[in-house]
Amino acid sequence: MKVYEMIFNWSTEEENCVETAIFSTYKKAKEYFDDIIENENDAEISWVGDGVFDENGEVNEGYELNCNPDYPENEEHDLWWCVWNNNCNEYYDEIYLRIKELDKV
């Protein structure tokens, strides 16, 4: 049996949290993954949207973005989107979609 695990590990100077969710379909997990990224790019919600990217979508100096390569839409793959503030270790967002094969017992 296959399940799709979403992990959202984030931190600021004030707070940090690891949020997890399990989905029965890749489509639902991918939609959730995309929604989290969209929210993190909103300056009113997240530090990421407040300064990581310039007006052209390029990563500003002092930040690092690591994300999965583009895959065909009809293929299931593990996905990741991670942003770090290189000047302050307390600021990071790590978002992962992992495909897990579970054994029936």
PDB file of N, CA and C in Angstrom:
ATOM      1  N   MET A   1       0.844  -1.174   0.000  1.00  0.00           N
ATOM      2  CA  MET A   1       0.000   0.000   0.000  1.00  0.00           C
ATOM      3  C   MET A   1       0.889   1.236   0.000  1.00  0.00           C
ATOM      4  N   LYS A   2       0.532   2.210  -0.802  1.00  0.00           N
ATOM      5  CA  LYS A   2       1.302   3.439  -0.917  1.00  0.00           C
ATOM      6  C   LYS A   2       0.590   4.571  -0.182  1.00  0.00           C
ATOM      7  N   VAL A   3       1.364   5.380   0.556  1.00  0.00           N
ATOM      8  CA  VAL A   3       0.852   6.600   1.173  1.00  0.00           C
ATOM      9  C   VAL A   3       1.807   7.733   0.818  1.00  0.00           C
ATOM     10  N   TYR A   4       1.317   8.951   1.001  1.00  0.00           N
ATOM     11  CA  TYR A   4       2.071  10.145   0.634  1.00  0.00           C
ATOM     12  C   TYR A   4       2.197  11.030   1.867  1.00  0.00           C
ATOM     13  N   GLU A   5       3.420  11.172   2.311  1.00  0.00           N
ATOM     14  CA  GLU A   5       3.706  11.900   3.557  1.00  0.00           C
ATOM     15  C   GLU A   5       4.149  13.324   3.237  1.00  0.00           C
ATOM     16  N   MET A   6       3.486  14.282   3.852  1.00  0.00           N
ATOM     17  CA  MET A   6       3.865  15.686   3.732  1.00  0.00           C
ATOM     18  C   MET A   6       4.519  16.114   5.039  1.00  0.00           C
ATOM     19  N   ILE A   7       5.672  16.750   4.944  1.00  0.00           N
ATOM     20  CA  ILE A   7       6.377  17.266   6.107  1.00  0.00           C
ATOM     21  C   ILE A   7       6.674  18.735   5.844  1.00  0.00           C
ATOM     22  N   PHE A   8       6.273  19.589   6.780  1.00  0.00           N
ATOM     23  CA  PHE A   8       6.554  21.022   6.709  1.00  0.00           C
ATOM     24  C   PHE A   8       7.307  21.380   7.989  1.00  0.00           C
ATOM     25  N   ASN A   9       8.602  21.568   7.856  1.00  0.00           N
ATOM     26  CA  ASN A   9       9.490  21.886   8.974  1.00  0.00           C
ATOM     27  C   ASN A   9       9.911  23.338   8.805  1.00  0.00           C
ATOM     28  N   TRP A  10       9.507  24.193   9.745  1.00  0.00           N
ATOM     29  CA  TRP A  10       9.818  25.610   9.608  1.00  0.00           C
ATOM     30  C   TRP A  10      10.292  26.202  10.931  1.00  0.00           C
ATOM     31  N   SER A  11      10.989  27.322  10.798  1.00  0.00           N
ATOM     32  CA  SER A  11      11.513  27.979  11.987  1.00  0.00           C
ATOM     33  C   SER A  11      11.697  29.473  11.741  1.00  0.00           C
ATOM     34  N   THR A  12      11.473  30.250  12.802  1.00  0.00           N
ATOM     35  CA  THR A  12      11.826  31.668  12.852  1.00  0.00           C
ATOM     36  C   THR A  12      12.518  31.875  14.192  1.00  0.00           C
ATOM     37  N   GLU A  13      12.928  33.097  14.485  1.00  0.00           N
ATOM     38  CA  GLU A  13      13.555  33.357  15.779  1.00  0.00           C
ATOM     39  C   GLU A  13      12.589  33.112  16.936  1.00  0.00           C
ATOM     40  N   GLU A  14      11.285  33.300  16.695  1.00  0.00           N
ATOM     41  CA  GLU A  14      10.285  33.175  17.758  1.00  0.00           C
ATOM     42  C   GLU A  14       9.700  31.778  17.904  1.00  0.00           C
ATOM     43  N   GLU A  15       9.581  31.050  16.810  1.00  0.00           N
ATOM     44  CA  GLU A  15       8.887  29.759  16.827  1.00  0.00           C
ATOM     45  C   GLU A  15       9.537  28.771  15.879  1.00  0.00           C
ATOM     46  N   ASN A  16       9.214  27.492  16.080  1.00  0.00           N
ATOM     47  CA  ASN A  16       9.545  26.462  15.100  1.00  0.00           C
ATOM     48  C   ASN A  16       8.529  25.342  15.245  1.00  0.00           C
ATOM     49  N   CYS A  17       8.361  24.596  14.177  1.00  0.00           N
ATOM     50  CA  CYS A  17       7.330  23.562  14.190  1.00  0.00           C
ATOM     51  C   CYS A  17       7.602  22.557  13.081  1.00  0.00           C
ATOM     52  N   VAL A  18       7.171  21.341  13.300  1.00  0.00           N
ATOM     53  CA  VAL A  18       7.159  20.323  12.250  1.00  0.00           C
ATOM     54  C   VAL A  18       5.707  19.861  12.118  1.00  0.00           C
ATOM     55  N   GLU A  19       5.145  20.087  10.956  1.00  0.00           N
ATOM     56  CA  GLU A  19       3.775  19.687  10.668  1.00  0.00           C
ATOM     57  C   GLU A  19       3.833  18.509   9.699  1.00  0.00           C
ATOM     58  N   THR A  20       3.027  17.501   9.954  1.00  0.00           N
ATOM     59  CA  THR A  20       3.002  16.337   9.064  1.00  0.00           C
ATOM     60  C   THR A  20       1.561  15.997   8.693  1.00  0.00           C
ATOM     61  N   ALA A  21       1.417  15.412   7.536  1.00  0.00           N
ATOM     62  CA  ALA A  21       0.107  14.938   7.082  1.00  0.00           C
ATOM     63  C   ALA A  21       0.335  13.742   6.175  1.00  0.00           C
ATOM     64  N   ILE A  22      -0.604  12.817   6.190  1.00  0.00           N
ATOM     65  CA  ILE A  22      -0.552  11.633   5.342  1.00  0.00           C
ATOM     66  C   ILE A  22      -1.754  11.673   4.402  1.00  0.00           C
ATOM     67  N   PHE A  23      -1.496  11.386   3.120  1.00  0.00           N
ATOM     68  CA  PHE A  23      -2.547  11.401   2.107  1.00  0.00           C
ATOM     69  C   PHE A  23      -2.628  10.039   1.430  1.00  0.00           C
ATOM     70  N   SER A  24      -3.805   9.723   0.950  1.00  0.00           N
ATOM     71  CA  SER A  24      -4.005   8.441   0.274  1.00  0.00           C
ATOM     72  C   SER A  24      -3.725   8.530  -1.222  1.00  0.00           C
ATOM     73  N   THR A  25      -3.668   9.758  -1.761  1.00  0.00           N
ATOM     74  CA  THR A  25      -3.375   9.916  -3.185  1.00  0.00           C
ATOM     75  C   THR A  25      -2.275  10.956  -3.382  1.00  0.00           C
ATOM     76  N   TYR A  26      -1.524  10.759  -4.437  1.00  0.00           N
ATOM     77  CA  TYR A  26      -0.468  11.702  -4.789  1.00  0.00           C
ATOM     78  C   TYR A  26      -1.073  13.062  -5.139  1.00  0.00           C
ATOM     79  N   LYS A  27      -2.190  13.051  -5.835  1.00  0.00           N
ATOM     80  CA  LYS A  27      -2.835  14.302  -6.250  1.00  0.00           C
ATOM     81  C   LYS A  27      -3.160  15.178  -5.050  1.00  0.00           C
ATOM     82  N   LYS A  28      -3.758  14.594  -4.025  1.00  0.00           N
ATOM     83  CA  LYS A  28      -4.101  15.371  -2.824  1.00  0.00           C
ATOM     84  C   LYS A  28      -2.850  15.883  -2.120  1.00  0.00           C
ATOM     85  N   ALA A  29      -1.829  15.044  -2.023  1.00  0.00           N
ATOM     86  CA  ALA A  29      -0.581  15.444  -1.372  1.00  0.00           C
ATOM     87  C   ALA A  29       0.103  16.559  -2.157  1.00  0.00           C
ATOM     88  N   LYS A  30       0.107  16.453  -3.479  1.00  0.00           N
ATOM     89  CA  LYS A  30       0.743  17.469  -4.332  1.00  0.00           C
ATOM     90  C   LYS A  30       0.003  18.790  -4.231  1.00  0.00           C
ATOM     91  N   GLU A  31      -1.310  18.750  -4.185  1.00  0.00           N
ATOM     92  CA  GLU A  31      -2.093  19.978  -4.015  1.00  0.00           C
ATOM     93  C   GLU A  31      -1.758  20.653  -2.693  1.00  0.00           C
ATOM     94  N   TYR A  32      -1.633  19.872  -1.634  1.00  0.00           N
ATOM     95  CA  TYR A  32      -1.270  20.399  -0.320  1.00  0.00           C
ATOM     96  C   TYR A  32       0.145  20.979  -0.352  1.00  0.00           C
ATOM     97  N   PHE A  33       1.080  20.265  -0.958  1.00  0.00           N
ATOM     98  CA  PHE A  33       2.455  20.719  -1.131  1.00  0.00           C
ATOM     99  C   PHE A  33       2.475  22.081  -1.830  1.00  0.00           C
ATOM    100  N   ASP A  34       1.760  22.193  -2.944  1.00  0.00           N
ATOM    101  CA  ASP A  34       1.705  23.447  -3.697  1.00  0.00           C
ATOM    102  C   ASP A  34       1.053  24.568  -2.895  1.00  0.00           C
ATOM    103  N   ASP A  35       0.018  24.247  -2.128  1.00  0.00           N
ATOM    104  CA  ASP A  35      -0.652  25.254  -1.295  1.00  0.00           C
ATOM    105  C   ASP A  35       0.285  25.813  -0.230  1.00  0.00           C
ATOM    106  N   ILE A  36       1.070  24.941   0.395  1.00  0.00           N
ATOM    107  CA  ILE A  36       2.011  25.409   1.413  1.00  0.00           C
ATOM    108  C   ILE A  36       3.025  26.365   0.786  1.00  0.00           C
ATOM    109  N   ILE A  37       3.564  26.003  -0.369  1.00  0.00           N
ATOM    110  CA  ILE A  37       4.538  26.871  -1.038  1.00  0.00           C
ATOM    111  C   ILE A  37       3.902  28.211  -1.398  1.00  0.00           C
ATOM    112  N   GLU A  38       2.688  28.169  -1.907  1.00  0.00           N
ATOM    113  CA  GLU A  38       1.994  29.416  -2.241  1.00  0.00           C
ATOM    114  C   GLU A  38       1.830  30.291  -1.006  1.00  0.00           C
ATOM    115  N   ASN A  39       1.427  29.705   0.108  1.00  0.00           N
ATOM    116  CA  ASN A  39       1.271  30.466   1.349  1.00  0.00           C
ATOM    117  C   ASN A  39       2.600  31.012   1.853  1.00  0.00           C
ATOM    118  N   GLU A  40       3.656  30.227   1.734  1.00  0.00           N
ATOM    119  CA  GLU A  40       4.964  30.680   2.207  1.00  0.00           C
ATOM    120  C   GLU A  40       5.492  31.847   1.375  1.00  0.00           C
ATOM    121  N   ASN A  41       5.034  31.970   0.154  1.00  0.00           N
ATOM    122  CA  ASN A  41       5.435  33.087  -0.700  1.00  0.00           C
ATOM    123  C   ASN A  41       4.588  34.337  -0.488  1.00  0.00           C
ATOM    124  N   ASP A  42       3.636  34.278   0.422  1.00  0.00           N
ATOM    125  CA  ASP A  42       2.786  35.425   0.760  1.00  0.00           C
ATOM    126  C   ASP A  42       3.460  36.209   1.883  1.00  0.00           C
ATOM    127  N   ALA A  43       3.833  37.450   1.612  1.00  0.00           N
ATOM    128  CA  ALA A  43       4.544  38.288   2.587  1.00  0.00           C
ATOM    129  C   ALA A  43       3.730  38.539   3.851  1.00  0.00           C
ATOM    130  N   GLU A  44       2.422  38.445   3.777  1.00  0.00           N
ATOM    131  CA  GLU A  44       1.589  38.664   4.959  1.00  0.00           C
ATOM    132  C   GLU A  44       1.561  37.451   5.880  1.00  0.00           C
ATOM    133  N   ILE A  45       1.987  36.293   5.374  1.00  0.00           N
ATOM    134  CA  ILE A  45       1.939  35.059   6.141  1.00  0.00           C
ATOM    135  C   ILE A  45       3.319  34.598   6.592  1.00  0.00           C
ATOM    136  N   SER A  46       4.340  34.789   5.737  1.00  0.00           N
ATOM    137  CA  SER A  46       5.629  34.143   5.981  1.00  0.00           C
ATOM    138  C   SER A  46       6.812  35.075   5.726  1.00  0.00           C
ATOM    139  N   TRP A  47       7.882  34.808   6.436  1.00  0.00           N
ATOM    140  CA  TRP A  47       9.136  35.537   6.224  1.00  0.00           C
ATOM    141  C   TRP A  47       9.689  35.275   4.821  1.00  0.00           C
ATOM    142  N   VAL A  48       9.369  34.127   4.229  1.00  0.00           N
ATOM    143  CA  VAL A  48       9.857  33.795   2.889  1.00  0.00           C
ATOM    144  C   VAL A  48       9.326  34.816   1.881  1.00  0.00           C
ATOM    145  N   GLY A  49       8.034  35.046   1.914  1.00  0.00           N
ATOM    146  CA  GLY A  49       7.421  35.997   0.996  1.00  0.00           C
ATOM    147  C   GLY A  49       7.822  37.424   1.259  1.00  0.00           C
ATOM    148  N   ASP A  50       8.364  37.674   2.436  1.00  0.00           N
ATOM    149  CA  ASP A  50       8.737  39.030   2.830  1.00  0.00           C
ATOM    150  C   ASP A  50      10.125  39.438   2.364  1.00  0.00           C
ATOM    151  N   GLY A  51      10.934  38.523   1.791  1.00  0.00           N
ATOM    152  CA  GLY A  51      12.253  38.982   1.396  1.00  0.00           C
ATOM    153  C   GLY A  51      13.143  38.017   0.647  1.00  0.00           C
ATOM    154  N   VAL A  52      12.724  36.780   0.489  1.00  0.00           N
ATOM    155  CA  VAL A  52      13.609  35.795  -0.133  1.00  0.00           C
ATOM    156  C   VAL A  52      13.741  36.022  -1.633  1.00  0.00           C
ATOM    157  N   PHE A  53      12.659  36.382  -2.302  1.00  0.00           N
ATOM    158  CA  PHE A  53      12.667  36.499  -3.757  1.00  0.00           C
ATOM    159  C   PHE A  53      12.526  37.952  -4.197  1.00  0.00           C
ATOM    160  N   ASP A  54      13.208  38.288  -5.302  1.00  0.00           N
ATOM    161  CA  ASP A  54      13.062  39.629  -5.861  1.00  0.00           C
ATOM    162  C   ASP A  54      11.843  39.676  -6.780  1.00  0.00           C
ATOM    163  N   GLU A  55      11.621  40.812  -7.426  1.00  0.00           N
ATOM    164  CA  GLU A  55      10.436  40.998  -8.272  1.00  0.00           C
ATOM    165  C   GLU A  55      10.414  40.070  -9.485  1.00  0.00           C
ATOM    166  N   ASN A  56      11.579  39.497  -9.850  1.00  0.00           N
ATOM    167  CA  ASN A  56      11.652  38.547 -10.971  1.00  0.00           C
ATOM    168  C   ASN A  56      11.589  37.095 -10.526  1.00  0.00           C
ATOM    169  N   GLY A  57      11.405  36.867  -9.232  1.00  0.00           N
ATOM    170  CA  GLY A  57      11.341  35.506  -8.714  1.00  0.00           C
ATOM    171  C   GLY A  57      12.695  34.887  -8.431  1.00  0.00           C
ATOM    172  N   GLU A  58      13.759  35.671  -8.581  1.00  0.00           N
ATOM    173  CA  GLU A  58      15.110  35.191  -8.291  1.00  0.00           C
ATOM    174  C   GLU A  58      15.371  35.263  -6.792  1.00  0.00           C
ATOM    175  N   VAL A  59      16.227  34.366  -6.294  1.00  0.00           N
ATOM    176  CA  VAL A  59      16.563  34.329  -4.869  1.00  0.00           C
ATOM    177  C   VAL A  59      17.501  35.483  -4.540  1.00  0.00           C
ATOM    178  N   ASN A  60      17.136  36.271  -3.533  1.00  0.00           N
ATOM    179  CA  ASN A  60      17.962  37.388  -3.096  1.00  0.00           C
ATOM    180  C   ASN A  60      19.234  36.894  -2.422  1.00  0.00           C
ATOM    181  N   GLU A  61      20.262  37.740  -2.416  1.00  0.00           N
ATOM    182  CA  GLU A  61      21.513  37.423  -1.745  1.00  0.00           C
ATOM    183  C   GLU A  61      21.250  37.170  -0.264  1.00  0.00           C
ATOM    184  N   GLY A  62      21.926  36.172   0.279  1.00  0.00           N
ATOM    185  CA  GLY A  62      21.764  35.828   1.683  1.00  0.00           C
ATOM    186  C   GLY A  62      20.778  34.707   1.939  1.00  0.00           C
ATOM    187  N   TYR A  63      20.121  34.235   0.875  1.00  0.00           N
ATOM    188  CA  TYR A  63      19.151  33.154   0.990  1.00  0.00           C
ATOM    189  C   TYR A  63      19.545  32.018   0.057  1.00  0.00           C
ATOM    190  N   GLU A  64      19.046  30.844   0.359  1.00  0.00           N
ATOM    191  CA  GLU A  64      19.313  29.682  -0.474  1.00  0.00           C
ATOM    192  C   GLU A  64      18.013  28.925  -0.706  1.00  0.00           C
ATOM    193  N   LEU A  65      17.782  28.515  -1.950  1.00  0.00           N
ATOM    194  CA  LEU A  65      16.619  27.715  -2.317  1.00  0.00           C
ATOM    195  C   LEU A  65      17.108  26.415  -2.922  1.00  0.00           C
ATOM    196  N   ASN A  66      16.575  25.306  -2.429  1.00  0.00           N
ATOM    197  CA  ASN A  66      16.865  23.990  -2.991  1.00  0.00           C
ATOM    198  C   ASN A  66      15.516  23.320  -3.228  1.00  0.00           C
ATOM    199  N   CYS A  67      15.246  22.988  -4.481  1.00  0.00           N
ATOM    200  CA  CYS A  67      13.975  22.320  -4.771  1.00  0.00           C
ATOM    201  C   CYS A  67      14.187  21.250  -5.824  1.00  0.00           C
ATOM    202  N   ASN A  68      13.211  20.365  -5.915  1.00  0.00           N
ATOM    203  CA  ASN A  68      13.292  19.259  -6.864  1.00  0.00           C
ATOM    204  C   ASN A  68      13.308  19.787  -8.287  1.00  0.00           C
ATOM    205  N   PRO A  69      13.890  19.017  -9.190  1.00  0.00           N
ATOM    206  CA  PRO A  69      13.805  19.390 -10.608  1.00  0.00           C
ATOM    207  C   PRO A  69      12.369  19.235 -11.089  1.00  0.00           C
ATOM    208  N   ASP A  70      12.081  19.796 -12.227  1.00  0.00           N
ATOM    209  CA  ASP A  70      10.741  19.636 -12.813  1.00  0.00           C
ATOM    210  C   ASP A  70      10.557  18.199 -13.290  1.00  0.00           C
ATOM    211  N   TYR A  71       9.442  17.620 -12.911  1.00  0.00           N
ATOM    212  CA  TYR A  71       9.088  16.276 -13.349  1.00  0.00           C
ATOM    213  C   TYR A  71       7.825  16.351 -14.189  1.00  0.00           C
ATOM    214  N   PRO A  72       7.609  15.385 -15.057  1.00  0.00           N
ATOM    215  CA  PRO A  72       6.337  15.352 -15.806  1.00  0.00           C
ATOM    216  C   PRO A  72       5.161  15.282 -14.824  1.00  0.00           C
ATOM    217  N   GLU A  73       4.119  16.022 -15.135  1.00  0.00           N
ATOM    218  CA  GLU A  73       2.952  16.101 -14.251  1.00  0.00           C
ATOM    219  C   GLU A  73       2.312  14.753 -13.964  1.00  0.00           C
ATOM    220  N   ASN A  74       2.397  13.814 -14.888  1.00  0.00           N
ATOM    221  CA  ASN A  74       1.704  12.535 -14.715  1.00  0.00           C
ATOM    222  C   ASN A  74       2.553  11.484 -14.001  1.00  0.00           C
ATOM    223  N   GLU A  75       3.720  11.860 -13.474  1.00  0.00           N
ATOM    224  CA  GLU A  75       4.578  10.914 -12.761  1.00  0.00           C
ATOM    225  C   GLU A  75       4.668  11.281 -11.285  1.00  0.00           C
ATOM    226  N   GLU A  76       4.659  10.261 -10.442  1.00  0.00           N
ATOM    227  CA  GLU A  76       4.801  10.475  -9.005  1.00  0.00           C
ATOM    228  C   GLU A  76       6.286  10.489  -8.640  1.00  0.00           C
ATOM    229  N   HIS A  77       6.675  11.495  -7.877  1.00  0.00           N
ATOM    230  CA  HIS A  77       8.054  11.626  -7.413  1.00  0.00           C
ATOM    231  C   HIS A  77       8.066  12.231  -6.026  1.00  0.00           C
ATOM    232  N   ASP A  78       9.099  11.910  -5.239  1.00  0.00           N
ATOM    233  CA  ASP A  78       9.342  12.656  -4.009  1.00  0.00           C
ATOM    234  C   ASP A  78       9.632  14.099  -4.421  1.00  0.00           C
ATOM    235  N   LEU A  79       9.111  15.050  -3.655  1.00  0.00           N
ATOM    236  CA  LEU A  79       9.309  16.468  -3.946  1.00  0.00           C
ATOM    237  C   LEU A  79       9.861  17.178  -2.726  1.00  0.00           C
ATOM    238  N   TRP A  80      10.566  18.275  -2.944  1.00  0.00           N
ATOM    239  CA  TRP A  80      11.069  19.098  -1.843  1.00  0.00           C
ATOM    240  C   TRP A  80      11.189  20.540  -2.292  1.00  0.00           C
ATOM    241  N   TRP A  81      11.043  21.442  -1.340  1.00  0.00           N
ATOM    242  CA  TRP A  81      11.190  22.875  -1.556  1.00  0.00           C
ATOM    243  C   TRP A  81      11.704  23.426  -0.231  1.00  0.00           C
ATOM    244  N   CYS A  82      12.964  23.820  -0.207  1.00  0.00           N
ATOM    245  CA  CYS A  82      13.612  24.231   1.027  1.00  0.00           C
ATOM    246  C   CYS A  82      14.259  25.603   0.856  1.00  0.00           C
ATOM    247  N   VAL A  83      14.000  26.494   1.797  1.00  0.00           N
ATOM    248  CA  VAL A  83      14.558  27.841   1.778  1.00  0.00           C
ATOM    249  C   VAL A  83      15.257  28.082   3.114  1.00  0.00           C
ATOM    250  N   TRP A  84      16.477  28.630   3.024  1.00  0.00           N
ATOM    251  CA  TRP A  84      17.238  28.945   4.234  1.00  0.00           C
ATOM    252  C   TRP A  84      17.730  30.381   4.173  1.00  0.00           C
ATOM    253  N   ASN A  85      17.765  31.026   5.318  1.00  0.00           N
ATOM    254  CA  ASN A  85      18.396  32.333   5.462  1.00  0.00           C
ATOM    255  C   ASN A  85      19.834  32.064   5.863  1.00  0.00           C
ATOM    256  N   ASN A  86      20.787  32.351   4.996  1.00  0.00           N
ATOM    257  CA  ASN A  86      22.192  32.062   5.274  1.00  0.00           C
ATOM    258  C   ASN A  86      22.794  32.955   6.350  1.00  0.00           C
ATOM    259  N   ASN A  87      22.105  34.038   6.698  1.00  0.00           N
ATOM    260  CA  ASN A  87      22.610  34.962   7.716  1.00  0.00           C
ATOM    261  C   ASN A  87      22.014  34.720   9.098  1.00  0.00           C
ATOM    262  N   CYS A  88      21.017  33.858   9.170  1.00  0.00           N
ATOM    263  CA  CYS A  88      20.347  33.601  10.449  1.00  0.00           C
ATOM    264  C   CYS A  88      19.816  32.173  10.426  1.00  0.00           C
ATOM    265  N   ASN A  89      20.502  31.273  11.116  1.00  0.00           N
ATOM    266  CA  ASN A  89      20.153  29.846  11.090  1.00  0.00           C
ATOM    267  C   ASN A  89      18.767  29.532  11.627  1.00  0.00           C
ATOM    268  N   GLU A  90      18.145  30.472  12.337  1.00  0.00           N
ATOM    269  CA  GLU A  90      16.811  30.213  12.887  1.00  0.00           C
ATOM    270  C   GLU A  90      15.724  30.281  11.824  1.00  0.00           C
ATOM    271  N   TYR A  91      16.017  30.849  10.655  1.00  0.00           N
ATOM    272  CA  TYR A  91      15.010  31.006   9.617  1.00  0.00           C
ATOM    273  C   TYR A  91      15.187  29.969   8.521  1.00  0.00           C
ATOM    274  N   TYR A  92      14.223  29.056   8.434  1.00  0.00           N
ATOM    275  CA  TYR A  92      14.217  28.093   7.341  1.00  0.00           C
ATOM    276  C   TYR A  92      12.812  27.539   7.140  1.00  0.00           C
ATOM    277  N   ASP A  93      12.548  27.107   5.931  1.00  0.00           N
ATOM    278  CA  ASP A  93      11.327  26.391   5.557  1.00  0.00           C
ATOM    279  C   ASP A  93      11.776  25.158   4.792  1.00  0.00           C
ATOM    280  N   GLU A  94      11.319  24.003   5.208  1.00  0.00           N
ATOM    281  CA  GLU A  94      11.618  22.761   4.510  1.00  0.00           C
ATOM    282  C   GLU A  94      10.302  22.025   4.295  1.00  0.00           C
ATOM    283  N   ILE A  95       9.961  21.825   3.042  1.00  0.00           N
ATOM    284  CA  ILE A  95       8.695  21.183   2.684  1.00  0.00           C
ATOM    285  C   ILE A  95       9.020  19.942   1.852  1.00  0.00           C
ATOM    286  N   TYR A  96       8.519  18.803   2.295  1.00  0.00           N
ATOM    287  CA  TYR A  96       8.817  17.539   1.627  1.00  0.00           C
ATOM    288  C   TYR A  96       7.527  16.771   1.356  1.00  0.00           C
ATOM    289  N   LEU A  97       7.444  16.164   0.175  1.00  0.00           N
ATOM    290  CA  LEU A  97       6.408  15.192  -0.138  1.00  0.00           C
ATOM    291  C   LEU A  97       7.157  13.891  -0.404  1.00  0.00           C
ATOM    292  N   ARG A  98       6.908  12.904   0.433  1.00  0.00           N
ATOM    293  CA  ARG A  98       7.610  11.623   0.320  1.00  0.00           C
ATOM    294  C   ARG A  98       6.617  10.506   0.053  1.00  0.00           C
ATOM    295  N   ILE A  99       6.973   9.668  -0.897  1.00  0.00           N
ATOM    296  CA  ILE A  99       6.142   8.519  -1.228  1.00  0.00           C
ATOM    297  C   ILE A  99       6.636   7.343  -0.392  1.00  0.00           C
ATOM    298  N   LYS A 100       5.728   6.721   0.347  1.00  0.00           N
ATOM    299  CA  LYS A 100       6.086   5.611   1.227  1.00  0.00           C
ATOM    300  C   LYS A 100       5.302   4.363   0.848  1.00  0.00           C
ATOM    301  N   GLU A 101       6.002   3.289   0.744  1.00  0.00           N
ATOM    302  CA  GLU A 101       5.368   1.987   0.493  1.00  0.00           C
ATOM    303  C   GLU A 101       5.227   1.288   1.848  1.00  0.00           C
ATOM    304  N   LEU A 102       4.010   0.949   2.228  1.00  0.00           N
ATOM    305  CA  LEU A 102       3.773   0.295   3.498  1.00  0.00           C
ATOM    306  C   LEU A 102       3.469  -1.188   3.273  1.00  0.00           C
ATOM    307  N   ASP A 103       4.003  -2.019   4.137  1.00  0.00           N
ATOM    308  CA  ASP A 103       3.722  -3.445   4.083  1.00  0.00           C
ATOM    309  C   ASP A 103       2.431  -3.728   4.830  1.00  0.00           C
ATOM    310  N   LYS A 104       1.621  -4.603   4.287  1.00  0.00           N
ATOM    311  CA  LYS A 104       0.424  -5.040   4.995  1.00  0.00           C
ATOM    312  C   LYS A 104       0.838  -6.074   6.017  1.00  0.00           C
ATOM    313  N   VAL A 105       0.290  -5.949   7.188  1.00  0.00           N
ATOM    314  CA  VAL A 105       0.624  -6.888   8.268  1.00  0.00           C
ATOM    315  C   VAL A 105      -0.613  -7.685   8.624  1.00  0.00           C
TER     316      VAL A 105
END
